[in-house]
Amino acid sequence: MAVVRKKRVKPKPGRFARPKNFYEAVYRVVVLIPRGRVMTYGQIATILGAPRAARAVGYAMRACPENIPWQRVINGKGQISARSQVERPVLQKMLLESEGIRFDKTGTCNLERLIWEPTNAARFYFRGSGRMPFD
């Protein structure tokens, strides 16, 4: 039996050039994370100007549209956050390993080596309506 694979469409960073809400601001950062690198929920929240909104970044990742490399966002310990889901963390680990990211027996990757920082992070600062983080 032949395996049918969907053609992967590369995300277009310009798609979220002018984010209308916090989620789109998150996606604007995430689409730029290179293959084989990661960012943390808190790191993204801080770059967006909402350092206490790491959980909101997680919600955005859970609701992200197709072709957003959601698997490249992990927690600050260098681990995959499982929450109450079963399949998604397994899929996330598989996707990251296919990009060359290795996890030790505790499920932790080397954040010091793999963390990605965008150049000129100030350009990602999100100026919402003041009802952070979901405006």
N, C-alpha and C. Protein backbone atom coordinates (compact mmCIF):
# COMPACT_ATOMS: atom_id res chain seq x y z
N MET A 1 0.84 -1.17 0.00
CA MET A 1 0.00 0.00 0.00
C MET A 1 0.89 1.24 0.00
N ALA A 2 0.65 2.13 -0.91
CA ALA A 2 1.46 3.34 -1.04
C ALA A 2 1.01 4.39 -0.02
N VAL A 3 1.99 5.10 0.51
CA VAL A 3 1.71 6.18 1.46
C VAL A 3 1.49 7.46 0.68
N VAL A 4 0.37 8.10 0.93
CA VAL A 4 0.06 9.35 0.25
C VAL A 4 0.44 10.50 1.18
N ARG A 5 1.28 11.36 0.71
CA ARG A 5 1.71 12.50 1.52
C ARG A 5 1.21 13.78 0.91
N LYS A 6 0.76 14.67 1.78
CA LYS A 6 0.33 15.98 1.30
C LYS A 6 1.56 16.81 0.97
N LYS A 7 1.47 17.56 -0.08
CA LYS A 7 2.55 18.46 -0.44
C LYS A 7 2.60 19.58 0.59
N ARG A 8 3.78 19.81 1.14
CA ARG A 8 3.95 20.87 2.12
C ARG A 8 4.09 22.20 1.41
N VAL A 9 3.31 23.14 1.85
CA VAL A 9 3.37 24.48 1.30
C VAL A 9 4.14 25.33 2.30
N LYS A 10 5.17 25.98 1.84
CA LYS A 10 5.98 26.82 2.72
C LYS A 10 5.16 28.04 3.14
N PRO A 11 5.13 28.34 4.46
CA PRO A 11 4.37 29.51 4.89
C PRO A 11 4.98 30.80 4.38
N LYS A 12 4.14 31.75 4.13
CA LYS A 12 4.60 33.05 3.64
C LYS A 12 4.66 34.03 4.81
N PRO A 13 5.87 34.49 5.20
CA PRO A 13 5.99 35.41 6.33
C PRO A 13 5.16 36.68 6.16
N GLY A 14 4.97 37.16 4.94
CA GLY A 14 4.20 38.38 4.71
C GLY A 14 2.72 38.23 4.99
N ARG A 15 2.27 37.01 5.14
CA ARG A 15 0.87 36.74 5.39
C ARG A 15 0.35 37.45 6.64
N PHE A 16 1.22 37.61 7.64
CA PHE A 16 0.84 38.25 8.89
C PHE A 16 1.62 39.55 9.10
N ALA A 17 1.93 40.25 8.01
CA ALA A 17 2.74 41.47 8.08
C ALA A 17 2.11 42.53 8.97
N ARG A 18 0.80 42.64 8.95
CA ARG A 18 0.09 43.60 9.80
C ARG A 18 -0.93 42.83 10.64
N PRO A 19 -0.45 42.24 11.75
CA PRO A 19 -1.35 41.41 12.55
C PRO A 19 -2.53 42.20 13.12
N LYS A 20 -3.71 41.59 13.02
CA LYS A 20 -4.93 42.23 13.52
C LYS A 20 -5.20 41.89 14.98
N ASN A 21 -4.60 40.80 15.45
CA ASN A 21 -4.80 40.38 16.84
C ASN A 21 -3.55 39.67 17.35
N PHE A 22 -3.58 39.32 18.61
CA PHE A 22 -2.42 38.71 19.25
C PHE A 22 -2.02 37.40 18.56
N TYR A 23 -2.98 36.57 18.21
CA TYR A 23 -2.66 35.30 17.56
C TYR A 23 -1.89 35.52 16.27
N GLU A 24 -2.34 36.45 15.45
CA GLU A 24 -1.64 36.73 14.20
C GLU A 24 -0.24 37.27 14.46
N ALA A 25 -0.08 38.03 15.54
CA ALA A 25 1.25 38.53 15.90
C ALA A 25 2.17 37.35 16.26
N VAL A 26 1.62 36.36 16.94
CA VAL A 26 2.38 35.15 17.28
C VAL A 26 2.79 34.43 15.99
N TYR A 27 1.85 34.24 15.09
CA TYR A 27 2.13 33.52 13.85
C TYR A 27 3.19 34.25 13.01
N ARG A 28 3.18 35.56 13.08
CA ARG A 28 4.16 36.37 12.34
C ARG A 28 5.58 36.01 12.77
N VAL A 29 5.77 35.72 14.05
CA VAL A 29 7.09 35.31 14.55
C VAL A 29 7.36 33.85 14.20
N VAL A 30 6.39 32.99 14.45
CA VAL A 30 6.58 31.54 14.31
C VAL A 30 6.91 31.13 12.88
N VAL A 31 6.32 31.77 11.88
CA VAL A 31 6.61 31.37 10.49
C VAL A 31 8.07 31.60 10.12
N LEU A 32 8.77 32.41 10.89
CA LEU A 32 10.17 32.72 10.59
C LEU A 32 11.17 31.78 11.27
N ILE A 33 10.71 30.94 12.20
CA ILE A 33 11.63 30.04 12.91
C ILE A 33 12.19 29.05 11.90
N PRO A 34 13.52 29.01 11.76
CA PRO A 34 14.11 28.09 10.78
C PRO A 34 13.96 26.62 11.17
N ARG A 35 13.97 25.79 10.19
CA ARG A 35 13.94 24.34 10.39
C ARG A 35 15.12 23.94 11.28
N GLY A 36 14.87 23.10 12.27
CA GLY A 36 15.93 22.63 13.16
C GLY A 36 16.21 23.56 14.32
N ARG A 37 15.43 24.61 14.47
CA ARG A 37 15.58 25.57 15.58
C ARG A 37 14.24 25.69 16.30
N VAL A 38 14.26 26.23 17.52
CA VAL A 38 13.04 26.37 18.31
C VAL A 38 12.99 27.72 19.01
N MET A 39 11.80 28.09 19.45
CA MET A 39 11.59 29.23 20.33
C MET A 39 10.70 28.74 21.46
N THR A 40 10.69 29.48 22.57
CA THR A 40 9.83 29.12 23.68
C THR A 40 8.59 30.01 23.69
N TYR A 41 7.55 29.53 24.37
CA TYR A 41 6.32 30.31 24.50
C TYR A 41 6.62 31.66 25.14
N GLY A 42 7.38 31.65 26.22
CA GLY A 42 7.73 32.88 26.92
C GLY A 42 8.58 33.82 26.10
N GLN A 43 9.48 33.27 25.32
CA GLN A 43 10.34 34.07 24.45
C GLN A 43 9.49 34.83 23.43
N ILE A 44 8.53 34.16 22.83
CA ILE A 44 7.66 34.80 21.84
C ILE A 44 6.82 35.87 22.52
N ALA A 45 6.26 35.55 23.68
CA ALA A 45 5.44 36.53 24.40
C ALA A 45 6.25 37.78 24.72
N THR A 46 7.49 37.61 25.16
CA THR A 46 8.35 38.74 25.50
C THR A 46 8.64 39.59 24.27
N ILE A 47 8.96 38.95 23.15
CA ILE A 47 9.24 39.68 21.91
C ILE A 47 8.03 40.51 21.49
N LEU A 48 6.83 39.98 21.74
CA LEU A 48 5.61 40.69 21.35
C LEU A 48 5.24 41.81 22.33
N GLY A 49 6.00 41.92 23.42
CA GLY A 49 5.73 42.97 24.39
C GLY A 49 4.75 42.57 25.46
N ALA A 50 4.49 41.29 25.60
CA ALA A 50 3.56 40.77 26.61
C ALA A 50 4.23 39.62 27.36
N PRO A 51 5.27 39.92 28.17
CA PRO A 51 6.08 38.86 28.77
C PRO A 51 5.32 37.88 29.67
N ARG A 52 4.14 38.25 30.11
CA ARG A 52 3.36 37.35 30.97
C ARG A 52 2.32 36.55 30.18
N ALA A 53 2.40 36.60 28.87
CA ALA A 53 1.39 35.95 28.02
C ALA A 53 1.87 34.66 27.37
N ALA A 54 2.78 33.95 28.02
CA ALA A 54 3.28 32.69 27.45
C ALA A 54 2.15 31.70 27.22
N ARG A 55 1.21 31.64 28.14
CA ARG A 55 0.09 30.71 27.99
C ARG A 55 -0.77 31.09 26.77
N ALA A 56 -0.93 32.40 26.54
CA ALA A 56 -1.70 32.85 25.37
C ALA A 56 -0.99 32.45 24.09
N VAL A 57 0.34 32.44 24.09
CA VAL A 57 1.09 31.97 22.92
C VAL A 57 0.77 30.49 22.70
N GLY A 58 0.70 29.73 23.79
CA GLY A 58 0.32 28.32 23.68
C GLY A 58 -1.06 28.13 23.09
N TYR A 59 -2.01 28.96 23.51
CA TYR A 59 -3.35 28.89 22.94
C TYR A 59 -3.32 29.20 21.44
N ALA A 60 -2.51 30.19 21.07
CA ALA A 60 -2.39 30.54 19.65
C ALA A 60 -1.83 29.37 18.86
N MET A 61 -0.86 28.67 19.43
CA MET A 61 -0.27 27.52 18.74
C MET A 61 -1.30 26.40 18.59
N ARG A 62 -2.14 26.24 19.57
CA ARG A 62 -3.16 25.20 19.49
C ARG A 62 -4.19 25.52 18.40
N ALA A 63 -4.40 26.81 18.14
CA ALA A 63 -5.42 27.23 17.17
C ALA A 63 -4.84 27.66 15.83
N CYS A 64 -3.56 27.41 15.60
CA CYS A 64 -2.92 27.98 14.41
C CYS A 64 -3.41 27.34 13.11
N PRO A 65 -3.40 28.14 12.05
CA PRO A 65 -3.80 27.63 10.74
C PRO A 65 -2.74 26.66 10.19
N GLU A 66 -3.12 25.97 9.14
CA GLU A 66 -2.17 25.06 8.48
C GLU A 66 -0.95 25.82 8.00
N ASN A 67 0.13 25.11 7.84
CA ASN A 67 1.38 25.64 7.32
C ASN A 67 2.11 26.58 8.26
N ILE A 68 1.71 26.63 9.52
CA ILE A 68 2.47 27.34 10.54
C ILE A 68 3.29 26.27 11.25
N PRO A 69 4.61 26.44 11.36
CA PRO A 69 5.44 25.39 11.98
C PRO A 69 5.31 25.39 13.51
N TRP A 70 4.12 25.05 13.99
CA TRP A 70 3.78 25.07 15.42
C TRP A 70 4.70 24.19 16.25
N GLN A 71 5.23 23.15 15.64
CA GLN A 71 6.06 22.21 16.39
C GLN A 71 7.35 22.85 16.90
N ARG A 72 7.74 23.98 16.34
CA ARG A 72 9.00 24.63 16.70
C ARG A 72 8.89 25.52 17.94
N VAL A 73 7.74 25.50 18.59
CA VAL A 73 7.55 26.28 19.82
C VAL A 73 7.41 25.29 20.97
N ILE A 74 8.32 25.40 21.94
CA ILE A 74 8.36 24.47 23.08
C ILE A 74 8.41 25.27 24.38
N ASN A 75 8.42 24.57 25.50
CA ASN A 75 8.44 25.30 26.77
C ASN A 75 9.86 25.72 27.17
N GLY A 76 9.94 26.51 28.21
CA GLY A 76 11.21 27.08 28.65
C GLY A 76 12.20 26.08 29.22
N LYS A 77 11.75 24.85 29.46
CA LYS A 77 12.65 23.80 29.94
C LYS A 77 13.30 23.04 28.78
N GLY A 78 12.86 23.36 27.56
CA GLY A 78 13.36 22.64 26.40
C GLY A 78 12.58 21.37 26.14
N GLN A 79 11.36 21.32 26.65
CA GLN A 79 10.52 20.14 26.51
C GLN A 79 9.23 20.47 25.77
N ILE A 80 8.54 19.44 25.36
CA ILE A 80 7.25 19.59 24.71
C ILE A 80 6.19 19.61 25.81
N SER A 81 5.31 20.59 25.75
CA SER A 81 4.24 20.69 26.74
C SER A 81 3.08 19.80 26.32
N ALA A 82 2.76 18.85 27.17
CA ALA A 82 1.75 17.86 26.82
C ALA A 82 0.33 18.33 27.09
N ARG A 83 0.10 18.98 28.19
CA ARG A 83 -1.25 19.34 28.62
C ARG A 83 -2.10 18.07 28.65
N SER A 84 -3.33 18.17 28.23
CA SER A 84 -4.23 17.01 28.31
C SER A 84 -4.31 16.24 27.00
N GLN A 85 -3.50 16.59 26.05
CA GLN A 85 -3.56 15.94 24.75
C GLN A 85 -2.62 14.74 24.71
N VAL A 86 -2.95 13.77 23.89
CA VAL A 86 -2.12 12.58 23.79
C VAL A 86 -1.36 12.56 22.47
N GLU A 87 -2.05 12.74 21.36
CA GLU A 87 -1.43 12.60 20.05
C GLU A 87 -0.51 13.76 19.68
N ARG A 88 -0.91 14.98 20.01
CA ARG A 88 -0.17 16.16 19.56
C ARG A 88 1.28 16.19 20.06
N PRO A 89 1.57 15.91 21.33
CA PRO A 89 2.98 15.91 21.76
C PRO A 89 3.82 14.86 21.04
N VAL A 90 3.23 13.72 20.76
CA VAL A 90 3.95 12.67 20.04
C VAL A 90 4.26 13.15 18.62
N LEU A 91 3.27 13.74 17.97
CA LEU A 91 3.48 14.28 16.62
C LEU A 91 4.52 15.39 16.64
N GLN A 92 4.45 16.27 17.64
CA GLN A 92 5.40 17.38 17.73
C GLN A 92 6.82 16.84 17.86
N LYS A 93 7.02 15.86 18.70
CA LYS A 93 8.36 15.28 18.87
C LYS A 93 8.83 14.64 17.56
N MET A 94 7.95 13.93 16.88
CA MET A 94 8.32 13.31 15.60
C MET A 94 8.72 14.36 14.57
N LEU A 95 7.95 15.43 14.49
CA LEU A 95 8.25 16.50 13.53
C LEU A 95 9.59 17.17 13.85
N LEU A 96 9.84 17.44 15.12
CA LEU A 96 11.10 18.07 15.51
C LEU A 96 12.28 17.14 15.25
N GLU A 97 12.11 15.86 15.56
CA GLU A 97 13.20 14.91 15.30
C GLU A 97 13.47 14.78 13.80
N SER A 98 12.43 14.92 12.98
CA SER A 98 12.64 14.87 11.53
C SER A 98 13.41 16.09 11.04
N GLU A 99 13.43 17.16 11.85
CA GLU A 99 14.19 18.36 11.52
C GLU A 99 15.60 18.32 12.12
N GLY A 100 15.93 17.22 12.79
CA GLY A 100 17.27 17.06 13.34
C GLY A 100 17.40 17.41 14.81
N ILE A 101 16.32 17.72 15.47
CA ILE A 101 16.36 18.05 16.89
C ILE A 101 16.30 16.76 17.69
N ARG A 102 17.22 16.62 18.61
CA ARG A 102 17.30 15.41 19.43
C ARG A 102 16.89 15.70 20.87
N PHE A 103 16.21 14.75 21.47
CA PHE A 103 15.78 14.85 22.86
C PHE A 103 16.49 13.79 23.68
N ASP A 104 16.84 14.14 24.93
CA ASP A 104 17.46 13.15 25.80
C ASP A 104 16.38 12.25 26.41
N LYS A 105 16.78 11.36 27.30
CA LYS A 105 15.81 10.40 27.85
C LYS A 105 14.75 11.06 28.74
N THR A 106 14.98 12.30 29.16
CA THR A 106 13.96 13.03 29.93
C THR A 106 13.04 13.85 29.04
N GLY A 107 13.25 13.78 27.72
CA GLY A 107 12.42 14.52 26.77
C GLY A 107 12.82 15.97 26.63
N THR A 108 14.09 16.27 26.93
CA THR A 108 14.58 17.64 26.87
C THR A 108 15.56 17.80 25.72
N CYS A 109 15.46 18.93 25.00
CA CYS A 109 16.43 19.22 23.95
C CYS A 109 17.40 20.29 24.47
N ASN A 110 18.48 20.49 23.76
CA ASN A 110 19.50 21.46 24.16
C ASN A 110 19.08 22.86 23.72
N LEU A 111 18.39 23.57 24.61
CA LEU A 111 17.89 24.90 24.26
C LEU A 111 19.02 25.88 23.95
N GLU A 112 20.13 25.78 24.67
CA GLU A 112 21.25 26.70 24.42
C GLU A 112 21.72 26.63 22.97
N ARG A 113 21.69 25.45 22.41
CA ARG A 113 22.16 25.27 21.04
C ARG A 113 21.06 25.50 20.00
N LEU A 114 19.82 25.24 20.37
CA LEU A 114 18.72 25.24 19.39
C LEU A 114 17.85 26.49 19.39
N ILE A 115 17.95 27.29 20.42
CA ILE A 115 17.07 28.46 20.52
C ILE A 115 17.36 29.44 19.38
N TRP A 116 16.29 30.01 18.84
CA TRP A 116 16.44 30.96 17.74
C TRP A 116 15.95 32.32 18.19
N GLU A 117 16.70 33.34 17.89
CA GLU A 117 16.35 34.73 18.19
C GLU A 117 16.23 35.48 16.87
N PRO A 118 15.09 36.10 16.62
CA PRO A 118 14.98 36.87 15.38
C PRO A 118 15.85 38.13 15.45
N THR A 119 16.37 38.53 14.31
CA THR A 119 17.12 39.78 14.28
C THR A 119 16.11 40.92 14.38
N ASN A 120 16.51 41.98 15.05
CA ASN A 120 15.65 43.14 15.23
C ASN A 120 14.29 42.75 15.80
N ALA A 121 14.32 42.11 16.97
CA ALA A 121 13.09 41.63 17.60
C ALA A 121 12.09 42.75 17.88
N ALA A 122 12.55 43.98 17.98
CA ALA A 122 11.64 45.10 18.27
C ALA A 122 10.58 45.28 17.19
N ARG A 123 10.86 44.82 15.98
CA ARG A 123 9.88 44.99 14.90
C ARG A 123 8.65 44.11 15.09
N PHE A 124 8.72 43.17 16.02
CA PHE A 124 7.58 42.27 16.26
C PHE A 124 6.68 42.75 17.40
N TYR A 125 7.07 43.84 18.05
CA TYR A 125 6.27 44.33 19.18
C TYR A 125 4.83 44.55 18.72
N PHE A 126 3.90 44.00 19.47
CA PHE A 126 2.49 44.07 19.08
C PHE A 126 1.78 45.15 19.87
N ARG A 127 1.20 46.09 19.16
CA ARG A 127 0.43 47.16 19.79
C ARG A 127 -1.05 46.85 19.58
N GLY A 128 -1.60 46.16 20.55
CA GLY A 128 -3.01 45.79 20.45
C GLY A 128 -3.90 46.89 20.98
N SER A 129 -5.12 46.55 21.24
CA SER A 129 -6.09 47.52 21.70
C SER A 129 -6.00 47.76 23.21
N GLY A 130 -5.08 47.08 23.88
CA GLY A 130 -4.93 47.25 25.31
C GLY A 130 -5.57 46.14 26.12
N ARG A 131 -6.32 45.27 25.47
CA ARG A 131 -6.95 44.16 26.16
C ARG A 131 -6.09 42.90 25.97
N MET A 132 -4.85 43.00 26.36
CA MET A 132 -3.93 41.88 26.14
C MET A 132 -4.37 40.70 26.93
N PRO A 133 -4.05 39.49 26.49
CA PRO A 133 -3.35 39.19 25.24
C PRO A 133 -4.26 38.82 24.09
N PHE A 134 -5.56 38.85 24.28
CA PHE A 134 -6.45 38.32 23.26
C PHE A 134 -7.13 39.37 22.40
N ASP A 135 -6.56 40.57 22.29
CA ASP A 135 -7.24 41.60 21.51
C ASP A 135 -6.96 41.52 20.03
